[in-house]
């Protein structure tokens, strides 16, 4: 039998602990809801700004080069591939 990693065990244990129902005797006032909505709006706005700022760089890694293979830069690492 294969021995499991302690990281996997701790992660599983943490997930199970987070999913266990507990009683929370707390009062949530309207300010808490407003804070949650404000956080959600800020996360969406931040995500949109990040996509706008870095979107072309990230998508550029997946676009094909329009240059034919003979125009590609030559490999100078010396590992035998050209």
Protein backbone atom coordinates (compact mmCIF):
# COMPACT_ATOMS: atom_id res chain seq x y z
CA UNK A 1 0.00 0.00 0.00
CA UNK A 2 1.31 3.42 -0.96
CA UNK A 3 1.96 5.90 1.84
CA UNK A 4 0.08 9.17 1.36
CA UNK A 5 1.78 12.51 1.59
CA UNK A 6 1.17 14.46 4.83
CA UNK A 7 0.25 17.49 2.71
CA UNK A 8 -2.63 15.58 1.10
CA UNK A 9 -3.79 14.38 4.53
CA UNK A 10 -3.70 17.89 6.03
CA UNK A 11 -5.48 19.40 3.02
CA UNK A 12 -8.21 16.77 3.22
CA UNK A 13 -8.55 17.31 6.95
CA UNK A 14 -8.78 21.09 6.52
CA UNK A 15 -11.46 20.74 3.82
CA UNK A 16 -13.51 18.40 5.98
CA UNK A 17 -13.22 20.75 8.96
CA UNK A 18 -14.38 23.68 6.83
CA UNK A 19 -17.43 21.74 5.63
CA UNK A 20 -18.59 20.61 9.08
CA UNK A 21 -21.66 22.54 10.22
CA UNK A 22 -21.26 24.61 13.34
CA UNK A 23 -23.49 27.08 15.10
CA UNK A 24 -22.45 30.68 14.67
CA UNK A 25 -24.07 32.98 17.19
CA UNK A 26 -23.30 36.18 15.37
CA UNK A 27 -25.22 39.27 14.39
CA UNK A 28 -24.83 40.44 10.81
CA UNK A 29 -25.87 44.04 10.45
CA UNK A 30 -26.58 45.82 7.13
CA UNK A 31 -23.02 47.17 7.10
CA UNK A 32 -21.72 43.61 6.74
CA UNK A 33 -23.82 43.07 3.63
CA UNK A 34 -22.70 46.38 2.18
CA UNK A 35 -19.06 45.40 2.82
CA UNK A 36 -19.61 42.06 1.05
CA UNK A 37 -21.16 43.78 -1.98
CA UNK A 38 -18.34 46.34 -2.05
CA UNK A 39 -15.75 43.54 -1.95
CA UNK A 40 -17.46 41.73 -4.81
CA UNK A 41 -17.56 44.87 -6.95
CA UNK A 42 -13.88 45.59 -6.19
CA UNK A 43 -12.89 42.03 -7.15
CA UNK A 44 -14.74 42.25 -10.47
CA UNK A 45 -13.27 45.68 -11.23
CA UNK A 46 -9.76 44.51 -10.34
CA UNK A 47 -10.14 41.45 -12.53
CA UNK A 48 -11.29 43.55 -15.48
CA UNK A 49 -8.37 45.95 -15.06
CA UNK A 50 -5.92 43.02 -14.86
CA UNK A 51 -7.37 41.48 -18.02
CA UNK A 52 -7.15 44.83 -19.78
CA UNK A 53 -3.54 45.38 -18.67
CA UNK A 54 -2.16 41.88 -19.23
CA UNK A 55 -4.66 40.27 -21.58
CA UNK A 56 -2.63 40.70 -24.77
CA UNK A 57 0.52 39.34 -23.13
CA UNK A 58 -1.27 36.26 -21.86
CA UNK A 59 -3.13 35.64 -25.12
CA UNK A 60 0.07 36.36 -27.06
CA UNK A 61 1.55 33.14 -25.69
CA UNK A 62 -1.21 31.18 -27.43
CA UNK A 63 -1.26 32.98 -30.77
CA UNK A 64 0.65 31.50 -33.68
CA UNK A 65 3.50 33.42 -35.21
CA UNK A 66 2.77 34.68 -38.73
CA UNK A 67 6.42 34.33 -39.72
CA UNK A 68 7.35 31.17 -41.66
CA UNK A 69 9.68 28.69 -39.83
CA UNK A 70 12.74 29.69 -41.87
CA UNK A 71 12.44 33.23 -40.47
CA UNK A 72 12.36 32.06 -36.83
CA UNK A 73 15.42 32.92 -34.73
CA UNK A 74 18.11 30.25 -34.68
CA UNK A 75 18.77 28.27 -31.49
CA UNK A 76 22.12 29.30 -30.04
CA UNK A 77 21.89 27.18 -26.89
CA UNK A 78 24.17 24.51 -28.37
CA UNK A 79 21.90 21.57 -27.62
CA UNK A 80 21.91 20.35 -31.23
CA UNK A 81 18.50 21.59 -32.27
CA UNK A 82 18.34 24.26 -34.92
